[in-house]
């Protein structure tokens, strides 16, 4: 098969119901390169950029509770900044740009996905479909 490396994908394909921050961005540790008392942080194999991890909750109401929270890895020289909180909401909605997905076989032998992005931002407002203008 000719597909190699991360597969580009849109935010709406991964999170059609949106997603919400449930933790802070943390730099990913490279456990293989780290030694006693010396922490080495992971770098993306393709770009060489530091890898950060952000836990998010999928807004899809049909997703099982055990699968609601996923980690999105962000490739960035600096720590990703969370969008501003939305008044009245206990969790912050977020959108990712420059997304890719890489399928792999997890430790249980099941198919899993590594989700990566280049940045996070506040969600865009959804546009009404063309021809569906609100009645006056």
N, C-alpha and C. Protein backbone atom coordinates (compact mmCIF):
# COMPACT_ATOMS: atom_id res chain seq x y z
N UNK A 1 0.85 -1.17 0.00
CA UNK A 1 0.00 0.00 0.00
C UNK A 1 0.90 1.23 0.00
N UNK A 2 0.51 2.26 -0.73
CA UNK A 2 1.34 3.45 -0.90
C UNK A 2 1.20 4.47 0.22
N UNK A 3 0.22 4.31 1.10
CA UNK A 3 0.05 5.28 2.19
C UNK A 3 1.14 5.06 3.22
N UNK A 4 1.92 6.12 3.47
CA UNK A 4 2.97 6.05 4.47
C UNK A 4 2.91 7.29 5.34
N UNK A 5 3.14 7.13 6.61
CA UNK A 5 3.15 8.27 7.51
C UNK A 5 1.76 8.73 7.89
N UNK A 6 1.69 9.88 8.58
CA UNK A 6 0.41 10.41 9.05
C UNK A 6 -0.53 10.74 7.88
N UNK A 7 -1.82 10.51 8.11
CA UNK A 7 -2.84 10.78 7.09
C UNK A 7 -3.55 12.08 7.44
N UNK A 8 -3.52 13.08 6.55
CA UNK A 8 -4.23 14.34 6.84
C UNK A 8 -5.73 14.10 7.01
N UNK A 9 -6.32 14.80 7.98
CA UNK A 9 -7.74 14.64 8.28
C UNK A 9 -8.26 15.96 8.84
N UNK A 10 -9.54 16.23 8.64
CA UNK A 10 -10.10 17.49 9.13
C UNK A 10 -10.62 17.33 10.56
N UNK A 11 -10.68 18.43 11.27
CA UNK A 11 -11.22 18.44 12.63
C UNK A 11 -12.63 17.88 12.64
N UNK A 12 -13.47 18.30 11.68
CA UNK A 12 -14.86 17.86 11.63
C UNK A 12 -15.00 16.36 11.41
N UNK A 13 -14.02 15.73 10.77
CA UNK A 13 -14.07 14.29 10.59
C UNK A 13 -13.74 13.55 11.89
N UNK A 14 -12.84 14.11 12.68
CA UNK A 14 -12.45 13.47 13.93
C UNK A 14 -13.45 13.76 15.05
N UNK A 15 -13.87 15.02 15.14
CA UNK A 15 -14.77 15.46 16.21
C UNK A 15 -16.00 16.17 15.62
N UNK A 16 -16.91 15.46 14.97
CA UNK A 16 -18.06 16.12 14.34
C UNK A 16 -18.97 16.84 15.33
N UNK A 17 -18.90 16.47 16.62
CA UNK A 17 -19.71 17.11 17.66
C UNK A 17 -18.86 18.06 18.51
N UNK A 18 -17.64 18.32 18.07
CA UNK A 18 -16.74 19.18 18.82
C UNK A 18 -16.01 18.41 19.91
N UNK A 19 -15.11 19.13 20.60
CA UNK A 19 -14.41 18.53 21.73
C UNK A 19 -14.07 19.62 22.74
N UNK A 20 -13.72 19.19 23.95
CA UNK A 20 -13.54 20.10 25.08
C UNK A 20 -12.27 19.75 25.85
N UNK A 21 -11.52 20.77 26.24
CA UNK A 21 -10.31 20.55 27.03
C UNK A 21 -10.68 19.99 28.40
N UNK A 22 -9.96 18.99 28.85
CA UNK A 22 -10.19 18.43 30.18
C UNK A 22 -8.88 18.35 30.97
N UNK A 23 -7.88 19.10 30.53
CA UNK A 23 -6.59 19.10 31.22
C UNK A 23 -5.66 20.10 30.55
N UNK A 24 -4.44 20.15 31.03
CA UNK A 24 -3.43 21.07 30.53
C UNK A 24 -2.55 20.40 29.48
N UNK A 25 -1.93 21.23 28.64
CA UNK A 25 -0.93 20.73 27.70
C UNK A 25 0.32 20.34 28.48
N UNK A 26 0.85 19.18 28.17
CA UNK A 26 2.08 18.70 28.80
C UNK A 26 3.03 18.21 27.73
N UNK A 27 4.31 18.50 27.93
CA UNK A 27 5.29 18.02 26.97
C UNK A 27 5.44 16.52 27.15
N UNK A 28 5.48 15.78 26.03
CA UNK A 28 5.55 14.32 26.06
C UNK A 28 6.99 13.88 26.33
N UNK A 29 7.15 12.97 27.28
CA UNK A 29 8.47 12.45 27.62
C UNK A 29 8.85 11.32 26.68
N UNK A 30 10.12 11.26 26.33
CA UNK A 30 10.66 10.15 25.55
C UNK A 30 11.21 9.15 26.57
N UNK A 31 10.42 8.15 26.91
CA UNK A 31 10.79 7.23 27.97
C UNK A 31 11.99 6.36 27.58
N UNK A 32 12.17 6.10 26.28
CA UNK A 32 13.31 5.28 25.86
C UNK A 32 14.63 6.05 26.00
N UNK A 33 14.62 7.35 25.74
CA UNK A 33 15.85 8.15 25.80
C UNK A 33 16.13 8.70 27.20
N UNK A 34 15.12 8.78 28.05
CA UNK A 34 15.30 9.29 29.42
C UNK A 34 16.05 8.27 30.26
N UNK A 35 16.86 8.78 31.21
CA UNK A 35 17.60 7.90 32.11
C UNK A 35 17.36 8.37 33.54
N UNK A 36 17.96 7.71 34.49
CA UNK A 36 17.80 8.07 35.90
C UNK A 36 18.12 9.55 36.11
N UNK A 37 17.11 10.30 36.52
CA UNK A 37 17.31 11.70 36.83
C UNK A 37 17.43 12.63 35.63
N UNK A 38 17.43 12.11 34.41
CA UNK A 38 17.56 12.96 33.22
C UNK A 38 16.37 12.69 32.31
N UNK A 39 15.49 13.71 32.22
CA UNK A 39 14.30 13.58 31.39
C UNK A 39 14.59 14.11 29.99
N UNK A 40 14.24 13.31 29.00
CA UNK A 40 14.36 13.73 27.60
C UNK A 40 12.94 13.81 27.05
N UNK A 41 12.65 14.91 26.37
CA UNK A 41 11.31 15.09 25.82
C UNK A 41 11.27 14.65 24.36
N UNK A 42 10.10 14.13 23.96
CA UNK A 42 9.91 13.58 22.62
C UNK A 42 9.93 14.68 21.56
N UNK A 43 10.47 14.33 20.41
CA UNK A 43 10.47 15.21 19.24
C UNK A 43 9.83 14.42 18.10
N UNK A 44 9.08 15.12 17.25
CA UNK A 44 8.46 14.48 16.10
C UNK A 44 9.55 13.97 15.16
N UNK A 45 9.42 12.74 14.69
CA UNK A 45 10.44 12.14 13.83
C UNK A 45 10.57 12.83 12.48
N UNK A 46 9.48 13.43 11.99
CA UNK A 46 9.51 14.07 10.68
C UNK A 46 9.97 15.52 10.75
N UNK A 47 9.38 16.30 11.69
CA UNK A 47 9.65 17.73 11.75
C UNK A 47 10.72 18.12 12.77
N UNK A 48 10.98 17.26 13.75
CA UNK A 48 11.93 17.58 14.80
C UNK A 48 11.36 18.50 15.87
N UNK A 49 10.08 18.85 15.76
CA UNK A 49 9.46 19.74 16.74
C UNK A 49 9.10 18.99 18.02
N UNK A 50 9.11 19.71 19.16
CA UNK A 50 8.66 19.09 20.41
C UNK A 50 7.21 18.63 20.30
N UNK A 51 6.88 17.57 21.04
CA UNK A 51 5.54 17.00 21.04
C UNK A 51 4.88 17.31 22.38
N UNK A 52 3.67 17.91 22.33
CA UNK A 52 2.87 18.23 23.50
C UNK A 52 1.62 17.37 23.44
N UNK A 53 1.03 17.09 24.59
CA UNK A 53 -0.18 16.28 24.63
C UNK A 53 -1.27 17.02 25.40
N UNK A 54 -2.49 17.03 24.81
CA UNK A 54 -3.62 17.72 25.41
C UNK A 54 -4.79 16.73 25.54
N UNK A 55 -5.31 16.52 26.76
CA UNK A 55 -6.47 15.63 26.89
C UNK A 55 -7.76 16.38 26.56
N UNK A 56 -8.59 15.76 25.73
CA UNK A 56 -9.87 16.36 25.36
C UNK A 56 -10.99 15.34 25.50
N UNK A 57 -12.20 15.84 25.69
CA UNK A 57 -13.38 15.00 25.76
C UNK A 57 -14.15 15.16 24.44
N UNK A 58 -14.46 14.06 23.80
CA UNK A 58 -15.23 14.05 22.56
C UNK A 58 -16.67 14.45 22.87
N UNK A 59 -17.23 15.37 22.10
CA UNK A 59 -18.59 15.83 22.31
C UNK A 59 -19.66 14.92 21.75
N UNK A 60 -19.28 13.81 21.12
CA UNK A 60 -20.25 12.89 20.52
C UNK A 60 -21.02 12.16 21.63
N UNK A 61 -22.34 12.34 21.70
CA UNK A 61 -23.12 11.69 22.76
C UNK A 61 -23.20 10.17 22.64
N UNK A 62 -22.86 9.61 21.48
CA UNK A 62 -22.96 8.16 21.29
C UNK A 62 -21.68 7.42 21.67
N UNK A 63 -20.60 8.14 21.95
CA UNK A 63 -19.33 7.50 22.30
C UNK A 63 -19.42 6.95 23.73
N UNK A 64 -18.92 5.73 23.93
CA UNK A 64 -18.92 5.10 25.25
C UNK A 64 -18.12 5.95 26.22
N UNK A 65 -18.53 5.95 27.48
CA UNK A 65 -17.87 6.76 28.52
C UNK A 65 -16.38 6.44 28.60
N UNK A 66 -16.01 5.18 28.44
CA UNK A 66 -14.61 4.78 28.54
C UNK A 66 -13.76 5.29 27.37
N UNK A 67 -14.42 5.73 26.29
CA UNK A 67 -13.71 6.21 25.11
C UNK A 67 -13.88 7.71 24.90
N UNK A 68 -14.50 8.40 25.85
CA UNK A 68 -14.80 9.84 25.72
C UNK A 68 -13.55 10.71 25.71
N UNK A 69 -12.55 10.36 26.53
CA UNK A 69 -11.36 11.19 26.63
C UNK A 69 -10.25 10.63 25.77
N UNK A 70 -9.68 11.49 24.93
CA UNK A 70 -8.56 11.10 24.06
C UNK A 70 -7.46 12.16 24.19
N UNK A 71 -6.27 11.78 23.81
CA UNK A 71 -5.15 12.71 23.82
C UNK A 71 -4.86 13.14 22.39
N UNK A 72 -4.73 14.45 22.20
CA UNK A 72 -4.31 14.99 20.91
C UNK A 72 -2.90 15.51 21.10
N UNK A 73 -1.99 15.08 20.25
CA UNK A 73 -0.61 15.53 20.33
C UNK A 73 -0.44 16.72 19.40
N UNK A 74 0.21 17.77 19.92
CA UNK A 74 0.43 18.99 19.16
C UNK A 74 1.93 19.16 18.95
N UNK A 75 2.33 19.37 17.70
CA UNK A 75 3.73 19.60 17.37
C UNK A 75 3.96 21.10 17.38
N UNK A 76 4.79 21.58 18.33
CA UNK A 76 4.98 23.01 18.48
C UNK A 76 6.28 23.29 19.23
N UNK A 77 7.00 24.33 18.80
CA UNK A 77 8.22 24.74 19.48
C UNK A 77 7.92 25.27 20.88
N UNK A 78 6.72 25.85 21.06
CA UNK A 78 6.34 26.43 22.35
C UNK A 78 5.10 25.73 22.89
N UNK A 79 4.88 25.85 24.19
CA UNK A 79 3.71 25.22 24.81
C UNK A 79 2.43 25.77 24.20
N UNK A 80 1.54 24.90 23.73
CA UNK A 80 0.27 25.36 23.16
C UNK A 80 -0.56 26.09 24.22
N UNK A 81 -1.22 27.16 23.80
CA UNK A 81 -2.05 27.95 24.70
C UNK A 81 -3.51 27.60 24.48
N UNK A 82 -4.20 27.35 25.57
CA UNK A 82 -5.63 27.01 25.50
C UNK A 82 -6.43 28.23 25.09
N UNK A 83 -7.52 28.04 24.35
CA UNK A 83 -8.40 29.17 24.03
C UNK A 83 -9.02 29.71 25.32
N UNK A 84 -9.52 30.95 25.27
CA UNK A 84 -10.16 31.50 26.47
C UNK A 84 -11.41 30.69 26.85
N UNK A 85 -11.68 30.64 28.14
CA UNK A 85 -12.86 29.94 28.64
C UNK A 85 -14.12 30.65 28.14
N UNK A 86 -15.18 29.90 27.96
CA UNK A 86 -16.46 30.46 27.53
C UNK A 86 -17.32 30.66 28.78
N UNK A 87 -17.78 31.90 29.01
CA UNK A 87 -18.60 32.15 30.20
C UNK A 87 -19.81 31.21 30.24
N UNK A 88 -20.06 30.63 31.42
CA UNK A 88 -21.20 29.76 31.60
C UNK A 88 -20.93 28.30 31.30
N UNK A 89 -19.77 27.97 30.73
CA UNK A 89 -19.43 26.57 30.45
C UNK A 89 -18.35 26.11 31.43
N UNK A 90 -18.51 24.90 32.01
CA UNK A 90 -17.51 24.41 32.96
C UNK A 90 -16.24 23.89 32.28
N UNK A 91 -16.31 23.60 30.99
CA UNK A 91 -15.14 23.14 30.24
C UNK A 91 -15.00 23.98 28.98
N UNK A 92 -13.79 24.05 28.45
CA UNK A 92 -13.48 24.93 27.32
C UNK A 92 -13.56 24.18 25.99
N UNK A 93 -14.42 24.64 25.06
CA UNK A 93 -14.43 24.04 23.73
C UNK A 93 -13.14 24.42 23.00
N UNK A 94 -12.67 23.51 22.16
CA UNK A 94 -11.42 23.73 21.44
C UNK A 94 -11.53 23.11 20.05
N UNK A 95 -10.74 23.63 19.13
CA UNK A 95 -10.66 23.09 17.78
C UNK A 95 -9.18 22.96 17.43
N UNK A 96 -8.84 21.93 16.68
CA UNK A 96 -7.46 21.71 16.28
C UNK A 96 -7.30 21.95 14.78
N UNK A 97 -6.13 22.44 14.39
CA UNK A 97 -5.82 22.68 12.98
C UNK A 97 -4.61 21.83 12.59
N UNK A 98 -4.46 21.59 11.31
CA UNK A 98 -3.34 20.80 10.81
C UNK A 98 -3.35 19.39 11.34
N UNK A 99 -4.53 18.76 11.37
CA UNK A 99 -4.65 17.44 11.98
C UNK A 99 -4.22 16.31 11.05
N UNK A 100 -3.64 15.29 11.69
CA UNK A 100 -3.32 14.03 11.01
C UNK A 100 -3.70 12.89 11.94
N UNK A 101 -3.87 11.72 11.37
CA UNK A 101 -4.13 10.52 12.15
C UNK A 101 -3.19 9.43 11.65
N UNK A 102 -2.66 8.66 12.60
CA UNK A 102 -1.80 7.53 12.27
C UNK A 102 -2.35 6.29 12.95
N UNK A 103 -2.84 5.33 12.16
CA UNK A 103 -3.34 4.09 12.76
C UNK A 103 -2.16 3.21 13.21
N UNK A 104 -2.39 2.46 14.30
CA UNK A 104 -1.39 1.52 14.77
C UNK A 104 -2.10 0.41 15.56
N UNK A 105 -1.41 -0.68 15.78
CA UNK A 105 -1.96 -1.78 16.58
C UNK A 105 -1.50 -1.56 18.01
N UNK A 106 -2.47 -1.40 18.92
CA UNK A 106 -2.18 -1.14 20.32
C UNK A 106 -1.73 -2.38 21.06
N UNK A 107 -1.44 -2.22 22.36
CA UNK A 107 -0.95 -3.32 23.19
C UNK A 107 -1.96 -4.45 23.31
N UNK A 108 -3.25 -4.13 23.17
CA UNK A 108 -4.28 -5.17 23.28
C UNK A 108 -4.48 -5.92 21.97
N UNK A 109 -3.75 -5.49 20.91
CA UNK A 109 -3.91 -6.11 19.61
C UNK A 109 -5.02 -5.49 18.78
N UNK A 110 -5.65 -4.43 19.31
CA UNK A 110 -6.73 -3.75 18.60
C UNK A 110 -6.18 -2.53 17.86
N UNK A 111 -6.89 -2.14 16.82
CA UNK A 111 -6.52 -0.96 16.06
C UNK A 111 -6.74 0.29 16.90
N UNK A 112 -5.76 1.19 16.91
CA UNK A 112 -5.85 2.45 17.63
C UNK A 112 -5.34 3.55 16.71
N UNK A 113 -5.52 4.80 17.14
CA UNK A 113 -5.12 5.94 16.32
C UNK A 113 -4.36 6.96 17.14
N UNK A 114 -3.30 7.49 16.57
CA UNK A 114 -2.58 8.61 17.16
C UNK A 114 -3.05 9.86 16.42
N UNK A 115 -3.60 10.81 17.17
CA UNK A 115 -4.12 12.04 16.58
C UNK A 115 -3.14 13.16 16.87
N UNK A 116 -2.73 13.86 15.81
CA UNK A 116 -1.78 14.97 15.94
C UNK A 116 -2.36 16.22 15.29
N UNK A 117 -1.85 17.36 15.73
CA UNK A 117 -2.26 18.65 15.17
C UNK A 117 -1.08 19.60 15.24
N UNK A 118 -1.21 20.74 14.56
CA UNK A 118 -0.16 21.74 14.60
C UNK A 118 -0.50 22.89 15.54
N UNK A 119 -1.79 23.04 15.90
CA UNK A 119 -2.20 24.12 16.80
C UNK A 119 -3.62 23.86 17.30
N UNK A 120 -4.00 24.59 18.37
CA UNK A 120 -5.38 24.57 18.83
C UNK A 120 -5.87 26.01 18.89
N UNK A 121 -7.18 26.17 18.76
CA UNK A 121 -7.79 27.50 18.73
C UNK A 121 -9.23 27.39 19.23
N UNK A 122 -9.88 28.56 19.45
CA UNK A 122 -11.31 28.50 19.78
C UNK A 122 -12.08 27.92 18.59
N UNK A 123 -13.19 27.24 18.84
CA UNK A 123 -13.97 26.67 17.73
C UNK A 123 -14.53 27.76 16.82
N UNK A 124 -14.59 27.43 15.55
CA UNK A 124 -15.25 28.31 14.58
C UNK A 124 -16.75 28.20 14.82
N UNK A 125 -17.47 29.24 14.43
CA UNK A 125 -18.94 29.14 14.50
C UNK A 125 -19.38 28.38 13.27
N UNK A 126 -20.33 27.51 13.43
CA UNK A 126 -20.84 26.70 12.33
C UNK A 126 -21.68 27.58 11.41
N UNK A 127 -21.46 27.45 10.11
CA UNK A 127 -22.22 28.19 9.12
C UNK A 127 -23.47 27.40 8.75
N UNK A 128 -24.58 28.10 8.52
CA UNK A 128 -25.80 27.45 8.05
C UNK A 128 -25.58 26.99 6.61
N UNK A 129 -26.11 25.84 6.24
CA UNK A 129 -25.97 25.37 4.85
C UNK A 129 -26.55 26.39 3.88
N UNK A 130 -25.96 26.49 2.69
CA UNK A 130 -26.45 27.42 1.67
C UNK A 130 -27.89 27.11 1.35
N UNK A 131 -28.71 28.18 1.23
CA UNK A 131 -30.12 28.00 0.92
C UNK A 131 -30.98 27.75 2.14
N UNK A 132 -30.41 27.73 3.32
CA UNK A 132 -31.15 27.46 4.56
C UNK A 132 -31.19 28.70 5.45
N UNK A 133 -31.30 29.87 4.83
CA UNK A 133 -31.32 31.11 5.60
C UNK A 133 -32.52 31.10 6.55
N UNK A 134 -32.34 31.76 7.66
CA UNK A 134 -33.42 31.83 8.65
C UNK A 134 -34.57 32.66 8.10
N UNK A 135 -35.77 32.23 8.40
CA UNK A 135 -36.94 32.99 7.95
C UNK A 135 -37.08 34.25 8.78
N UNK A 136 -37.44 35.33 8.10
CA UNK A 136 -37.56 36.60 8.80
C UNK A 136 -38.92 36.78 9.39
